[in-house]
Amino acid sequence: MNPEKINIAEKVIHGISVTTNNKNEQSPVTAKLMKLWGSFFEKGLMAQIPNQQQNSPMFGVYSLPVRF
């Protein structure tokens, strides 16, 4: 996989979330992201996202907590 940097317009993100950190993701015992993706696909959550456009890409978003 070759990461590609692109600029996109503002988007609304739909999906499920989990709180984790890079250290925890290094161990299969404490990792959460792979389980989250598994749950997303097992439950067919993609089909439940409203207002989808045909053939639109899917993104995984990993970010710092938002503080207001």
C-alpha atoms as a PDB file:
ATOM      1  CA  MET A   1       0.000   0.000   0.000  1.00  0.00           C
ATOM      2  CA  ASN A   2       1.322   3.412  -0.945  1.00  0.00           C
ATOM      3  CA  PRO A   3      -0.328   6.181   1.084  1.00  0.00           C
ATOM      4  CA  GLU A   4      -1.505   9.125  -0.956  1.00  0.00           C
ATOM      5  CA  LYS A   5      -2.130  12.600   0.416  1.00  0.00           C
ATOM      6  CA  ILE A   6      -5.205  14.259  -1.033  1.00  0.00           C
ATOM      7  CA  ASN A   7      -7.204  17.339  -0.102  1.00  0.00           C
ATOM      8  CA  ILE A   8     -10.952  16.878   0.143  1.00  0.00           C
ATOM      9  CA  ALA A   9     -13.822  19.183   0.975  1.00  0.00           C
ATOM     10  CA  GLU A  10     -15.294  19.076   4.457  1.00  0.00           C
ATOM     11  CA  LYS A  11     -17.127  15.813   5.112  1.00  0.00           C
ATOM     12  CA  VAL A  12     -19.552  14.457   7.665  1.00  0.00           C
ATOM     13  CA  ILE A  13     -18.222  11.217   9.118  1.00  0.00           C
ATOM     14  CA  HIS A  14     -20.598   8.341   9.875  1.00  0.00           C
ATOM     15  CA  GLY A  15     -19.543   5.179  11.601  1.00  0.00           C
ATOM     16  CA  ILE A  16     -18.468   3.655  14.864  1.00  0.00           C
ATOM     17  CA  SER A  17     -15.635   4.665  17.132  1.00  0.00           C
ATOM     18  CA  VAL A  18     -13.251   3.394  19.746  1.00  0.00           C
ATOM     19  CA  THR A  19     -10.704   5.086  21.983  1.00  0.00           C
ATOM     20  CA  THR A  20      -7.186   3.682  21.695  1.00  0.00           C
ATOM     21  CA  ASN A  21      -3.582   4.760  21.305  1.00  0.00           C
ATOM     22  CA  ASN A  22      -0.559   3.726  19.273  1.00  0.00           C
ATOM     23  CA  LYS A  23       0.997   1.773  22.156  1.00  0.00           C
ATOM     24  CA  ASN A  24      -2.122  -0.356  22.662  1.00  0.00           C
ATOM     25  CA  GLU A  25      -2.406  -1.065  18.949  1.00  0.00           C
ATOM     26  CA  GLN A  26       1.038  -2.718  18.977  1.00  0.00           C
ATOM     27  CA  SER A  27      -0.226  -5.714  20.987  1.00  0.00           C
ATOM     28  CA  PRO A  28      -2.943  -8.125  19.839  1.00  0.00           C
ATOM     29  CA  VAL A  29      -4.125  -8.320  23.449  1.00  0.00           C
ATOM     30  CA  THR A  30      -4.880  -4.583  23.740  1.00  0.00           C
ATOM     31  CA  ALA A  31      -5.459  -3.655  20.071  1.00  0.00           C
ATOM     32  CA  LYS A  32      -8.944  -2.359  19.258  1.00  0.00           C
ATOM     33  CA  LEU A  33      -8.884  -1.136  15.665  1.00  0.00           C
ATOM     34  CA  MET A  34      -8.931  -4.518  13.911  1.00  0.00           C
ATOM     35  CA  LYS A  35     -11.845  -5.598  16.116  1.00  0.00           C
ATOM     36  CA  LEU A  36     -13.653  -2.377  15.284  1.00  0.00           C
ATOM     37  CA  TRP A  37     -13.253  -2.937  11.524  1.00  0.00           C
ATOM     38  CA  GLY A  38     -14.379  -6.550  11.964  1.00  0.00           C
ATOM     39  CA  SER A  39     -17.505  -5.412  13.777  1.00  0.00           C
ATOM     40  CA  PHE A  40     -18.192  -2.777  11.104  1.00  0.00           C
ATOM     41  CA  PHE A  41     -18.182  -5.374   8.329  1.00  0.00           C
ATOM     42  CA  GLU A  42     -19.837  -8.218  10.302  1.00  0.00           C
ATOM     43  CA  LYS A  43     -22.814  -6.030  11.198  1.00  0.00           C
ATOM     44  CA  GLY A  44     -23.155  -4.659   7.650  1.00  0.00           C
ATOM     45  CA  LEU A  45     -22.917  -1.104   8.934  1.00  0.00           C
ATOM     46  CA  MET A  46     -21.837   0.283   5.562  1.00  0.00           C
ATOM     47  CA  ALA A  47     -25.348  -0.376   4.239  1.00  0.00           C
ATOM     48  CA  GLN A  48     -26.840   1.609   7.132  1.00  0.00           C
ATOM     49  CA  ILE A  49     -25.010   4.878   6.377  1.00  0.00           C
ATOM     50  CA  PRO A  50     -27.524   7.421   5.028  1.00  0.00           C
ATOM     51  CA  ASN A  51     -27.208   9.385   1.774  1.00  0.00           C
ATOM     52  CA  GLN A  52     -24.401   7.304   0.278  1.00  0.00           C
ATOM     53  CA  GLN A  53     -23.206   8.073  -3.217  1.00  0.00           C
ATOM     54  CA  GLN A  54     -22.535   5.198  -5.603  1.00  0.00           C
ATOM     55  CA  ASN A  55     -18.906   4.017  -5.600  1.00  0.00           C
ATOM     56  CA  SER A  56     -17.833   6.548  -2.981  1.00  0.00           C
ATOM     57  CA  PRO A  57     -14.600   5.678  -1.154  1.00  0.00           C
ATOM     58  CA  MET A  58     -14.487   4.439   2.427  1.00  0.00           C
ATOM     59  CA  PHE A  59     -12.147   6.143   4.894  1.00  0.00           C
ATOM     60  CA  GLY A  60     -10.805   5.123   8.274  1.00  0.00           C
ATOM     61  CA  VAL A  61     -10.231   8.166  10.467  1.00  0.00           C
ATOM     62  CA  TYR A  62      -7.667   8.057  13.250  1.00  0.00           C
ATOM     63  CA  SER A  63      -7.472  11.332  15.126  1.00  0.00           C
ATOM     64  CA  LEU A  64      -6.687  13.062  18.360  1.00  0.00           C
ATOM     65  CA  PRO A  65      -9.597  13.760  20.710  1.00  0.00           C
ATOM     66  CA  VAL A  66     -11.530  16.904  19.912  1.00  0.00           C
ATOM     67  CA  ARG A  67     -11.733  19.303  22.808  1.00  0.00           C
ATOM     68  CA  PHE A  68     -14.191  22.185  22.820  1.00  0.00           C
END
